[in-house]
Protein backbone atom coordinates (compact mmCIF):
# COMPACT_ATOMS: atom_id res chain seq x y z
CA MET A 1 82.51 121.13 76.16
CA THR A 2 84.34 119.17 78.85
CA PHE A 3 84.41 115.50 79.73
CA SER A 4 81.63 115.95 82.29
CA GLU A 5 79.37 117.43 79.62
CA ILE A 6 80.25 114.64 77.17
CA LEU A 7 79.46 112.15 79.97
CA ASP A 8 76.09 113.89 80.45
CA ARG A 9 75.32 113.33 76.77
CA VAL A 10 75.93 109.58 76.99
CA GLY A 11 74.41 109.32 80.50
CA SER A 12 76.35 110.51 83.52
CA MET A 13 74.36 108.45 86.03
CA GLY A 14 72.55 105.79 84.05
CA ARG A 15 72.42 102.00 84.09
CA PHE A 16 76.06 101.77 83.10
CA GLN A 17 77.29 103.72 86.15
CA PHE A 18 75.25 101.62 88.58
CA LEU A 19 76.42 98.36 87.03
CA HIS A 20 79.99 99.71 86.89
CA VAL A 21 79.99 100.51 90.62
CA ALA A 22 78.39 97.13 91.41
CA ILE A 23 81.11 95.23 89.52
CA LEU A 24 83.78 97.25 91.32
CA GLY A 25 82.06 96.81 94.67
CA LEU A 26 81.69 93.01 94.75
CA PRO A 27 85.46 92.39 95.05
CA ILE A 28 85.62 95.03 97.81
CA LEU A 29 82.96 92.98 99.58
CA ASN A 30 85.51 90.18 99.80
CA MET A 31 88.45 92.45 100.54
CA ALA A 32 87.75 92.57 104.27
CA ASN A 33 88.09 88.79 104.35
CA HIS A 34 91.74 89.08 103.35
CA ASN A 35 92.65 92.20 105.34
CA LEU A 36 91.24 90.81 108.59
CA LEU A 37 91.66 87.11 107.85
CA GLN A 38 94.47 86.58 110.36
CA ILE A 39 92.13 87.43 113.23
CA PHE A 40 90.75 83.93 112.75
CA THR A 41 93.47 82.02 110.88
CA ALA A 42 96.01 83.11 113.50
CA ALA A 43 93.79 82.89 116.60
CA THR A 44 95.74 81.77 119.67
CA PRO A 45 93.76 79.30 121.80
CA ALA A 46 94.48 78.50 125.44
CA HIS A 47 97.51 76.21 125.64
CA HIS A 48 100.02 74.65 128.00
CA CYS A 49 103.16 72.53 127.80
CA ARG A 50 102.86 69.01 126.52
CA PRO A 51 103.95 66.45 129.14
CA PRO A 52 107.25 64.67 128.44
CA PRO A 53 106.95 61.16 126.97
CA ASN A 54 108.13 59.57 130.20
CA ALA A 55 105.67 61.46 132.40
CA SER A 56 103.65 59.47 134.89
CA THR A 57 100.03 58.70 134.14
CA GLY A 58 98.92 60.79 137.11
CA PRO A 59 97.51 64.34 136.91
CA TRP A 60 99.84 66.74 135.14
CA VAL A 61 100.68 69.74 137.35
CA LEU A 62 101.74 73.08 135.80
CA PRO A 63 103.67 75.93 137.45
CA MET A 64 101.53 78.89 138.46
CA GLY A 65 102.28 82.38 137.15
CA LEU A 66 102.16 85.71 139.03
CA ASN A 67 98.55 86.19 137.89
CA GLY A 68 97.54 82.98 139.65
CA LYS A 69 96.95 81.13 136.38
CA PRO A 70 98.90 78.13 135.04
CA GLU A 71 101.98 78.99 133.01
CA LYS A 72 101.61 78.64 129.24
CA CYS A 73 105.29 78.43 128.40
CA LEU A 74 106.89 76.61 131.35
CA ARG A 75 106.70 73.18 132.92
CA PHE A 76 108.33 71.47 135.89
CA VAL A 77 111.55 69.66 135.18
CA HIS A 78 110.35 66.90 137.52
CA PRO A 79 106.70 66.22 138.39
CA PRO A 80 105.82 67.54 141.88
CA ASN A 81 105.50 64.98 144.65
CA ALA A 82 101.80 64.35 145.12
CA SER A 83 102.35 63.49 148.81
CA LEU A 84 103.74 66.96 149.50
CA PRO A 85 101.04 69.61 148.96
CA ASN A 86 103.55 72.50 149.05
CA ASP A 87 106.04 70.84 146.72
CA THR A 88 105.66 73.45 143.98
CA GLN A 89 108.98 75.28 144.24
CA ARG A 90 110.63 73.07 141.68
CA ALA A 91 112.89 73.97 138.77
CA THR A 92 111.05 74.81 135.54
CA GLU A 93 111.97 74.56 131.89
CA PRO A 94 110.49 75.65 128.51
CA CYS A 95 108.03 73.46 126.65
CA LEU A 96 110.50 71.05 125.07
CA ASP A 97 107.87 68.66 123.71
CA GLY A 98 105.44 71.17 122.21
CA TRP A 99 102.08 72.35 123.45
CA VAL A 100 98.57 71.10 124.06
CA TYR A 101 95.87 73.42 122.67
CA ASN A 102 92.45 73.62 124.29
CA SER A 103 90.59 74.06 121.00
CA THR A 104 89.21 71.89 118.23
CA LYS A 105 89.79 74.62 115.63
CA ASP A 106 93.13 74.77 113.93
CA SER A 107 95.08 77.87 112.89
CA ILE A 108 98.56 78.77 111.74
CA VAL A 109 99.37 79.19 115.45
CA THR A 110 98.46 75.62 116.35
CA GLU A 111 99.94 74.15 113.17
CA TRP A 112 103.34 75.82 113.46
CA ASP A 113 103.38 76.45 117.25
CA LEU A 114 103.54 80.25 117.05
CA VAL A 115 103.37 80.68 120.82
CA CYS A 116 105.73 81.57 123.67
CA ASN A 117 109.13 82.43 122.18
CA SER A 118 107.69 82.15 118.67
CA ASN A 119 104.63 84.34 119.28
CA LYS A 120 106.31 87.29 117.54
CA LEU A 121 106.15 85.36 114.26
CA LYS A 122 102.38 85.77 114.29
CA GLU A 123 102.70 89.56 114.33
CA MET A 124 105.49 89.36 111.77
CA ALA A 125 103.22 87.45 109.37
CA GLN A 126 100.67 90.28 109.49
CA SER A 127 103.42 92.88 109.06
CA ILE A 128 104.78 91.11 105.97
CA PHE A 129 101.25 90.97 104.53
CA MET A 130 101.02 94.73 105.03
CA ALA A 131 104.48 95.15 103.50
CA GLY A 132 103.07 93.51 100.37
CA ILE A 133 100.32 96.12 100.26
CA LEU A 134 102.96 98.82 100.65
CA ILE A 135 105.16 97.52 97.82
CA GLY A 136 102.09 96.97 95.66
CA GLY A 137 101.06 100.60 96.11
CA LEU A 138 104.49 101.81 95.01
CA VAL A 139 104.83 99.58 91.98
CA LEU A 140 101.26 99.23 90.75
CA GLY A 141 100.39 102.90 91.23
CA ASP A 142 103.07 103.92 88.73
CA LEU A 143 102.22 101.05 86.35
CA SER A 144 98.57 102.11 86.39
CA ASP A 145 99.50 105.58 85.17
CA ARG A 146 101.63 104.01 82.42
CA PHE A 147 99.45 101.12 81.20
CA GLY A 148 95.97 102.05 82.35
CA ARG A 149 93.67 101.41 85.30
CA ARG A 150 91.86 98.34 83.94
CA PRO A 151 94.89 96.16 83.04
CA ILE A 152 96.34 96.64 86.52
CA LEU A 153 92.96 95.92 88.11
CA THR A 154 92.59 92.70 86.11
CA CYS A 155 96.12 91.50 86.90
CA SER A 156 95.64 92.32 90.58
CA TYR A 157 92.51 90.15 90.76
CA LEU A 158 94.44 87.24 89.27
CA LEU A 159 97.42 87.80 91.56
CA LEU A 160 95.23 87.80 94.68
CA ALA A 161 93.30 84.73 93.55
CA ALA A 162 96.42 82.71 92.76
CA SER A 163 98.54 83.73 95.76
CA GLY A 164 95.63 83.46 98.22
CA SER A 165 94.77 79.97 97.02
CA SER A 166 98.44 78.95 97.13
CA ALA A 167 98.72 80.16 100.73
CA ALA A 168 96.05 77.61 101.66
CA PHE A 169 98.40 74.81 100.58
CA SER A 170 101.58 76.21 102.18
CA PRO A 171 103.74 73.38 103.55
CA SER A 172 105.63 75.66 105.95
CA PHE A 173 105.38 79.01 107.67
CA PRO A 174 107.97 80.80 105.44
CA ILE A 175 106.10 79.73 102.28
CA TYR A 176 102.83 80.90 103.82
CA VAL A 177 104.35 84.32 104.55
CA ILE A 178 105.61 84.68 100.96
CA PHE A 179 102.16 84.00 99.50
CA ARG A 180 100.56 86.39 101.99
CA PHE A 181 103.02 89.05 100.84
CA LEU A 182 101.83 88.53 97.25
CA CYS A 183 98.22 88.74 98.47
CA GLY A 184 99.03 92.16 99.87
CA CYS A 185 100.44 93.30 96.51
CA GLY A 186 97.24 92.22 94.78
CA ILE A 187 95.02 93.99 97.32
CA SER A 188 96.91 97.24 96.83
CA GLY A 189 96.45 97.15 93.05
CA ILE A 190 92.74 96.41 93.41
CA THR A 191 92.19 99.22 95.89
CA LEU A 192 93.97 101.93 93.92
CA SER A 193 92.44 101.09 90.54
CA THR A 194 88.93 100.69 92.00
CA VAL A 195 89.01 104.11 93.66
CA ILE A 196 90.24 105.87 90.51
CA LEU A 197 87.81 104.12 88.14
CA ASN A 198 84.94 104.93 90.48
CA VAL A 199 85.84 108.62 90.79
CA GLU A 200 86.52 109.17 87.08
CA TRP A 201 83.31 107.51 85.78
CA VAL A 202 80.74 109.22 88.01
CA PRO A 203 79.70 112.90 88.02
CA THR A 204 80.99 115.30 90.65
CA ARG A 205 77.71 115.43 92.54
CA MET A 206 77.76 111.66 93.07
CA ARG A 207 81.43 111.13 93.98
CA ALA A 208 80.94 111.16 97.75
CA ILE A 209 77.90 108.88 97.60
CA MET A 210 79.48 106.32 95.29
CA SER A 211 82.78 106.30 97.19
CA THR A 212 80.93 105.69 100.45
CA ALA A 213 78.87 102.96 98.76
CA LEU A 214 82.13 101.13 97.99
CA GLY A 215 83.09 101.63 101.63
CA TYR A 216 79.86 99.94 102.69
CA CYS A 217 80.82 96.95 100.56
CA TYR A 218 83.88 96.57 102.78
CA THR A 219 81.67 96.94 105.84
CA VAL A 220 79.35 94.14 104.72
CA GLY A 221 82.42 91.99 104.18
CA GLN A 222 83.25 92.37 107.85
CA PHE A 223 79.91 90.73 108.68
CA ILE A 224 80.60 87.85 106.27
CA LEU A 225 84.03 87.01 107.68
CA PRO A 226 82.94 85.92 111.20
CA GLY A 227 80.23 83.71 109.69
CA LEU A 228 82.69 82.06 107.33
CA ALA A 229 85.23 81.60 110.12
CA TYR A 230 82.61 80.02 112.38
CA ALA A 231 81.38 77.67 109.65
CA ILE A 232 84.89 76.77 108.43
CA PRO A 233 87.10 76.10 111.49
CA GLN A 234 90.05 74.81 109.41
CA TRP A 235 92.27 77.72 108.49
CA ARG A 236 93.38 76.24 105.14
CA TRP A 237 89.81 75.83 103.89
CA LEU A 238 88.95 79.32 105.14
CA GLN A 239 91.95 80.78 103.29
CA LEU A 240 90.91 78.98 100.11
CA THR A 241 87.26 80.02 100.43
CA VAL A 242 88.01 83.75 100.53
CA SER A 243 90.52 83.52 97.65
CA VAL A 244 88.71 81.52 94.96
CA PRO A 245 86.05 84.22 94.23
CA PHE A 246 88.76 86.49 92.85
CA PHE A 247 89.12 84.14 89.87
CA ILE A 248 85.52 85.11 89.04
CA PHE A 249 86.29 88.80 89.57
CA PHE A 250 89.26 88.40 87.22
CA LEU A 251 86.87 87.28 84.47
CA SER A 252 84.23 89.95 85.17
CA SER A 253 86.85 92.73 85.11
CA TRP A 254 87.16 92.35 81.33
CA TRP A 255 83.78 94.11 81.09
CA THR A 256 85.04 97.10 83.09
CA PRO A 257 85.87 99.97 80.71
CA GLU A 258 89.09 101.95 80.90
CA SER A 259 89.13 105.50 82.25
CA ILE A 260 88.24 107.90 79.43
CA ARG A 261 90.48 110.57 80.93
CA TRP A 262 93.44 108.20 80.94
CA LEU A 263 92.77 107.14 77.33
CA VAL A 264 92.65 110.75 76.17
CA LEU A 265 95.82 111.65 78.06
CA SER A 266 97.52 108.62 76.51
CA GLY A 267 96.59 109.64 72.98
CA LYS A 268 94.02 106.84 72.50
CA SER A 269 91.08 109.01 71.53
CA SER A 270 89.70 106.44 69.05
CA LYS A 271 89.36 103.83 71.78
CA ALA A 272 87.83 106.44 74.09
CA LEU A 273 85.20 107.22 71.47
CA LYS A 274 84.27 103.54 71.10
CA ILE A 275 83.82 103.21 74.87
CA LEU A 276 81.69 106.35 75.04
CA ARG A 277 79.43 105.04 72.28
CA ARG A 278 79.12 101.70 74.08
CA VAL A 279 78.20 103.49 77.32
CA ALA A 280 75.65 105.64 75.46
CA ALA A 281 73.99 102.56 73.98
CA PHE A 282 73.89 100.86 77.38
CA ASN A 283 72.30 103.96 78.93
CA GLY A 284 69.66 104.16 76.19
CA LYS A 285 71.26 107.13 74.43
CA LYS A 286 72.63 105.39 71.36
CA GLU A 287 71.77 108.30 69.05
CA GLU A 288 73.70 110.75 71.22
CA GLY A 289 76.68 108.41 71.14
CA GLU A 290 76.55 108.07 67.36
CA ARG A 291 76.62 111.87 67.02
CA LEU A 292 79.99 111.98 68.74
CA SER A 293 82.89 112.03 66.31
CA LEU A 294 86.62 111.67 66.75
CA GLU A 295 87.21 115.24 65.63
CA GLU A 296 84.58 116.56 68.04
CA LEU A 297 86.08 114.53 70.88
CA LYS A 298 89.57 115.86 70.22
CA LEU A 299 88.29 119.42 69.83
CA ASN A 300 86.20 119.42 72.98
CA LEU A 301 88.85 117.67 75.06
CA GLN A 302 91.61 119.98 73.88
CA LYS A 303 92.93 120.60 77.35
CA GLU A 304 93.15 116.90 78.13
CA ILE A 305 95.07 116.33 74.88
CA SER A 306 97.54 119.06 75.75
CA LEU A 307 98.01 117.50 79.19
CA ALA A 308 99.27 114.30 77.56
CA LYS A 309 102.53 116.13 76.83
CA ALA A 310 103.10 116.88 80.51
CA LYS A 311 105.05 114.05 82.11
CA TYR A 312 105.18 113.88 85.90
CA SER A 313 106.69 111.33 88.27
CA ALA A 314 106.73 110.67 92.01
CA THR A 315 109.67 113.09 92.39
CA ASP A 316 107.38 115.96 91.38
CA LEU A 317 105.29 115.30 94.48
CA PHE A 318 108.28 116.53 96.52
CA ARG A 319 109.85 118.95 94.01
CA ILE A 320 106.84 121.26 93.54
CA PRO A 321 106.05 123.16 96.79
CA ILE A 322 102.27 122.86 96.66
CA LEU A 323 102.43 119.11 96.04
CA ARG A 324 105.13 118.65 98.65
CA ARG A 325 103.06 120.23 101.39
CA MET A 326 99.90 118.42 100.33
CA THR A 327 101.71 115.07 100.08
CA PHE A 328 103.26 115.48 103.54
CA CYS A 329 99.89 116.20 105.19
CA LEU A 330 98.10 113.41 103.33
CA SER A 331 100.88 110.93 104.05
CA LEU A 332 100.73 111.64 107.78
CA ALA A 333 96.94 111.29 107.77
CA TRP A 334 97.14 107.99 105.84
CA PHE A 335 99.89 106.68 108.12
CA ALA A 336 97.97 107.56 111.29
CA THR A 337 94.76 105.97 109.98
CA GLY A 338 96.37 102.65 109.03
CA PHE A 339 98.56 102.59 112.13
CA ALA A 340 95.66 103.12 114.55
CA TYR A 341 93.03 101.15 112.60
CA TYR A 342 94.91 97.87 112.62
CA SER A 343 95.84 98.31 116.28
CA LEU A 344 92.12 97.96 117.06
CA ALA A 345 90.96 95.73 114.18
CA MET A 346 93.64 93.09 114.76
CA GLY A 347 93.49 93.31 118.56
CA VAL A 348 90.00 91.92 119.18
CA GLU A 349 91.41 89.06 121.27
CA GLU A 350 92.59 91.56 123.88
CA PHE A 351 89.13 92.69 125.01
CA GLY A 352 88.00 89.40 126.51
CA VAL A 353 84.81 89.25 124.43
CA ASN A 354 83.76 86.39 122.16
CA LEU A 355 85.89 86.71 119.00
CA TYR A 356 83.02 86.25 116.53
CA ILE A 357 80.58 88.56 118.32
CA LEU A 358 83.13 91.34 118.72
CA GLN A 359 84.10 91.14 115.05
CA ILE A 360 80.43 91.55 114.10
CA ILE A 361 80.20 94.57 116.43
CA PHE A 362 83.37 96.02 114.90
CA GLY A 363 81.81 95.62 111.46
CA GLY A 364 78.44 96.94 112.59
CA VAL A 365 79.83 100.25 113.84
CA ASP A 366 80.90 101.04 110.27
CA VAL A 367 77.24 101.30 109.18
CA PRO A 368 76.35 104.44 111.19
CA ALA A 369 79.93 105.72 110.97
CA LYS A 370 79.94 105.79 107.18
CA PHE A 371 76.42 107.20 107.02
CA ILE A 372 77.54 110.06 109.22
CA THR A 373 80.59 110.38 106.97
CA ILE A 374 78.36 110.88 103.91
CA LEU A 375 76.48 113.70 105.64
CA SER A 376 79.65 115.28 106.95
CA LEU A 377 81.43 115.08 103.58
CA SER A 378 78.45 116.63 101.81
CA TYR A 379 77.75 119.46 104.26
CA LEU A 380 80.80 120.09 106.46
CA GLY A 381 83.38 119.22 103.82
CA ARG A 382 86.31 116.84 103.46
CA HIS A 383 88.74 118.96 105.48
CA THR A 384 86.64 119.07 108.66
CA THR A 385 85.50 115.44 108.40
CA GLN A 386 89.03 114.09 108.02
CA ALA A 387 90.47 116.07 110.92
CA ALA A 388 87.57 115.27 113.27
CA ALA A 389 87.67 111.53 112.54
CA LEU A 390 91.35 111.16 113.43
CA LEU A 391 91.24 113.46 116.46
CA LEU A 392 88.28 111.58 117.95
CA ALA A 393 89.92 108.23 117.25
CA GLY A 394 93.15 109.33 118.91
CA GLY A 395 91.24 110.48 121.98
CA ALA A 396 89.39 107.16 122.25
CA ILE A 397 92.60 105.11 122.01
CA LEU A 398 94.37 107.25 124.62
CA ALA A 399 91.36 106.83 126.91
CA LEU A 400 91.92 103.06 126.82
CA THR A 401 95.16 103.54 128.75
CA PHE A 402 93.19 104.86 131.76
CA VAL A 403 90.50 102.15 131.84
CA PRO A 404 91.32 99.08 134.01
CA LEU A 405 91.47 95.71 132.26
CA ASP A 406 88.59 94.33 134.33
CA LEU A 407 86.17 96.95 132.88
CA GLN A 408 85.78 95.03 129.63
CA THR A 409 82.52 96.72 128.61
CA VAL A 410 83.97 100.24 128.84
CA ARG A 411 87.11 99.21 126.98
CA THR A 412 85.05 97.54 124.25
CA VAL A 413 82.86 100.65 123.81
CA LEU A 414 85.93 102.89 123.46
CA ALA A 415 87.54 100.48 121.00
CA VAL A 416 84.36 100.23 118.89
CA PHE A 417 83.98 104.03 118.84
CA GLY A 418 87.62 104.50 117.86
CA LYS A 419 87.34 101.88 115.14
CA GLY A 420 84.25 103.60 113.73
CA CYS A 421 86.09 106.93 113.58
CA LEU A 422 89.02 105.30 111.79
CA SER A 423 86.68 103.67 109.27
CA SER A 424 85.27 107.13 108.59
CA SER A 425 88.81 108.39 108.14
CA PHE A 426 89.50 105.71 105.52
CA SER A 427 86.30 106.55 103.62
CA CYS A 428 87.14 110.22 103.60
CA LEU A 429 90.80 109.76 102.65
CA PHE A 430 90.13 107.71 99.53
CA LEU A 431 87.78 110.38 98.18
CA TYR A 432 89.75 113.36 99.50
CA THR A 433 93.09 112.23 98.09
CA SER A 434 91.67 111.50 94.63
CA GLU A 435 90.11 114.98 94.59
CA LEU A 436 93.24 116.83 95.70
CA TYR A 437 95.73 115.42 93.18
CA PRO A 438 95.41 116.64 89.57
CA THR A 439 94.73 114.22 86.73
CA VAL A 440 98.29 114.30 85.38
CA ILE A 441 99.65 112.76 88.59
CA ARG A 442 96.55 111.47 90.39
CA GLN A 443 97.32 107.75 90.37
CA THR A 444 100.94 108.29 91.38
CA GLY A 445 99.85 110.63 94.16
CA MET A 446 97.28 108.11 95.35
CA GLY A 447 99.92 105.39 95.36
CA VAL A 448 102.54 107.39 97.27
CA SER A 449 100.07 108.72 99.84
CA ASN A 450 98.31 105.40 100.25
CA LEU A 451 101.54 103.51 100.82
CA TRP A 452 101.93 105.33 104.13
CA THR A 453 98.83 103.69 105.52
CA ARG A 454 100.53 100.41 104.64
CA VAL A 455 103.67 101.49 106.45
CA GLY A 456 101.47 102.26 109.44
CA SER A 457 99.58 98.98 109.25
CA MET A 458 102.90 97.14 108.83
CA LEU A 459 104.39 98.75 111.95
CA SER A 460 101.19 98.48 113.99
CA PRO A 461 101.55 94.76 114.90
CA LEU A 462 105.21 95.29 115.80
CA VAL A 463 104.33 98.08 118.24
CA LYS A 464 102.14 95.59 120.13
CA ILE A 465 105.33 93.78 121.09
CA THR A 466 106.30 96.78 123.26
CA GLY A 467 103.37 95.84 125.51
CA GLU A 468 105.57 93.08 126.94
CA VAL A 469 107.70 95.83 128.50
CA GLN A 470 104.82 98.04 129.66
CA PRO A 471 101.15 97.33 128.72
CA LEU A 472 100.35 101.06 128.41
CA ILE A 473 102.97 101.85 125.78
CA PRO A 474 101.17 100.59 122.62
CA ASN A 475 97.93 102.54 123.14
CA ILE A 476 99.85 105.72 124.01
CA ILE A 477 101.80 105.45 120.75
CA TYR A 478 98.69 104.64 118.71
CA GLY A 479 96.72 107.52 120.22
CA ILE A 480 99.43 110.16 119.79
CA ILE A 481 100.02 109.22 116.14
CA ALA A 482 96.26 109.47 115.44
CA LEU A 483 96.18 112.95 116.98
CA LEU A 484 99.14 114.04 114.84
CA GLY A 485 97.40 112.74 111.71
CA GLY A 486 94.26 114.69 112.56
CA SER A 487 96.29 117.84 113.12
CA ALA A 488 97.99 117.44 109.73
CA ALA A 489 94.60 117.19 108.02
CA LEU A 490 93.81 120.72 109.23
CA PHE A 491 96.43 122.08 106.80
CA LEU A 492 94.81 120.52 103.70
CA PRO A 493 92.59 122.57 101.35
CA GLU A 494 88.87 121.96 101.03
CA THR A 495 87.53 120.24 97.89
CA LEU A 496 83.80 120.25 98.62
CA ASN A 497 81.80 120.98 95.45
CA GLN A 498 84.95 121.45 93.39
CA PRO A 499 85.65 119.71 90.06
CA LEU A 500 88.68 117.47 89.75
CA PRO A 501 91.89 119.48 89.09
CA GLU A 502 93.61 118.68 85.83
CA THR A 503 97.05 120.29 86.03
CA ILE A 504 99.55 121.41 88.64
CA GLU A 505 98.66 125.00 87.80
CA ASP A 506 95.04 124.35 88.74
CA LEU A 507 96.27 123.81 92.28
CA GLU A 508 98.69 126.73 92.19
CA ASN A 509 95.92 129.13 91.14
CA TRP A 510 94.24 128.73 94.50
CA SER A 511 94.88 131.74 96.73
CA VAL A 512 96.09 131.47 100.32
CA THR A 513 93.32 132.27 102.79
CA ALA A 514 94.52 132.76 106.33
CA SER A 515 91.15 134.11 107.47
CA GLY A 516 87.93 135.46 106.08
CA PRO A 517 85.89 134.09 103.19
CA ILE A 518 87.35 131.39 101.07
CA SER A 519 88.20 132.48 97.55
CA THR A 520 86.95 130.71 94.47
CA PRO A 521 89.45 128.89 92.28
CA PRO A 522 89.28 130.35 88.77
CA TRP A 523 89.53 126.90 87.21
CA GLY A 524 86.24 125.42 88.13
CA SER A 525 83.78 126.84 90.65
CA ARG A 526 80.32 127.90 89.67
CA SER A 527 78.19 130.37 91.47
CA GLY A 528 76.96 129.08 94.75
CA SER A 529 79.70 126.52 95.24
CA ARG A 530 82.13 126.67 98.10
CA ALA A 531 85.76 126.91 97.15
CA SER A 532 88.88 125.81 98.85
CA PRO A 533 91.71 127.51 100.62
CA GLU A 534 94.95 127.03 98.84
CA PHE A 535 98.61 127.39 98.83
CA SER A 536 100.50 130.26 97.27
CA VAL A 537 103.48 129.39 95.14
CA PRO A 538 105.97 131.86 93.65
CA ARG A 539 105.74 131.96 89.87
CA SER A 540 109.40 131.05 89.63
CA LEU A 541 108.69 127.71 91.26
CA GLN A 542 105.61 126.84 89.27
CA ALA A 543 105.66 123.90 86.89
CA LYS A 544 105.92 124.77 83.25
CA LYS A 545 102.68 124.49 81.35
CA PRO A 546 102.89 122.15 78.40
CA LYS A 547 102.86 123.92 75.07
CA GLN A 548 99.75 123.54 72.96
CA GLU A 549 99.65 122.76 69.29
CA PRO A 550 98.61 125.70 67.08
CA GLU A 551 95.37 123.92 66.15
CA VAL A 552 94.49 123.42 69.81
CA GLU A 553 95.26 127.03 70.70
CA LYS A 554 93.10 128.20 67.85
CA ALA A 555 90.29 125.94 68.94
CA SER A 556 90.53 127.15 72.50
CA GLN A 557 89.73 130.66 71.34
CA ARG A 558 86.41 129.42 70.01
CA ILE A 559 85.45 127.14 72.94
CA PRO A 560 86.33 128.35 76.47
CA LEU A 561 87.84 125.71 78.73
CA GLN A 562 85.70 124.50 81.63
CA PRO A 563 86.39 122.22 84.57
CA TYR A 564 85.65 118.52 84.88
CA GLY A 565 82.17 117.79 86.06
CA PRO A 566 79.40 120.09 87.29
CA ALA A 567 79.88 121.63 90.70
CA LEU A 568 77.30 120.64 93.26
CA GLY A 569 76.16 124.19 93.66
CA SER A 570 72.90 124.22 95.53
CA SER A 571 72.35 120.46 95.23
């Protein structure tokens, strides 16, 4: 008996699983508010130089730029002579007395004058926020493997709630940036732990559906954000509004059970048994739960217990050939997705459409995109879906370089299509990555791979600065990187209908398939399921298999080992 069969006994898709996914999904609903918050809290309204204190009471005249519009960052040293109509060739100077903003809504831009020579600070603030997500992925991913998924999830909720609320009361821009960095750390911990807890508590046949359901929670959040921003024009109150709910999520997370697989691997079988009995009672199978015993749990999960002796770290992702190749391809796909996604998501001001309407459209495209992703993941597979999403997104972004700025409708359609493809890529990557890495190093692998999307999202705002040299450069860079990420995904193995791998050797047992039918991995496919191509590794380079205790070896002769979870087969 394996964990999937034990889960079937206590209810593999009962009331507990639906409530579990709901509790994990509500915070994701509010996650979009933080990721995309700066679209509204850092909106740049129309502005011009403030007149000097000694300026005359007459009409204030501004220098005209090459585009025929008034300059935003220059003013005349001396007011033009009203009696001379052509007296406009005067000396100019920067805005020494600040700016006048043509908007009643405040933002960090209007409060700290992040315009003209200081406009790069706005992009830097978003990059530092993304740097927090990057650092959080590195640190919290490893801590989650050491101390468990739930403790890190709970602490991350509290960190995001506290730092997000503190950012609303920031007295200066540097303090604001520090708190936004901590917000990023909290978001990373929430994301990683949520994905793993979702995957490890639902049966194989439901993984794609439940993962996409969590993705839809993020999509709905994108509809909520424009409404909140419209109703709350003050950026401090908006920042506080999207942060306070995480105090509630911090309290509700105490109900969330720990991953049974992690408990078993950590030698906490007694606690795992208590959780299984609680789940059985909640699913209306209390008698089945009471029949489970500690000895039976240890006997039936013999392979998981033996895996607890195998210790792996992030260095193994690059030391072992199969993991090194897989990590490189996944990292490039994650980087390309984050890099290109935030180029479109954070650039809504560039398309000349109403900010609130366009954000709703950007959120709305995720609904059909993720529905198509579910179908594609279930029938075409993860490999094809991931590659197609990034290649189509790269093509759409490159097409933007050839569309004139005055064709706003065409540019908006291309941007919306590209954003939908990148949302599909995110949905696929979270599921795909968790299925590719084995249990013994899954959370670390998720953390290392996922951090590259944070590197991409951190660099994405900085690349926009190159547009000051040549407007075409940013989209060319974004598009090419997306195409490279899609190409890298073509070298990843397929995981459709396959149970979660447990050890490094489970991956190494896959046979290389250059052409022809795909072979079946001996560690988990059932008849009728489609297997994955795989990488061949010389035996001399394979990781050593942890030794089993004599009692476990003896037990394994009586009960053959089976994979996690039922394969989808014909379902």
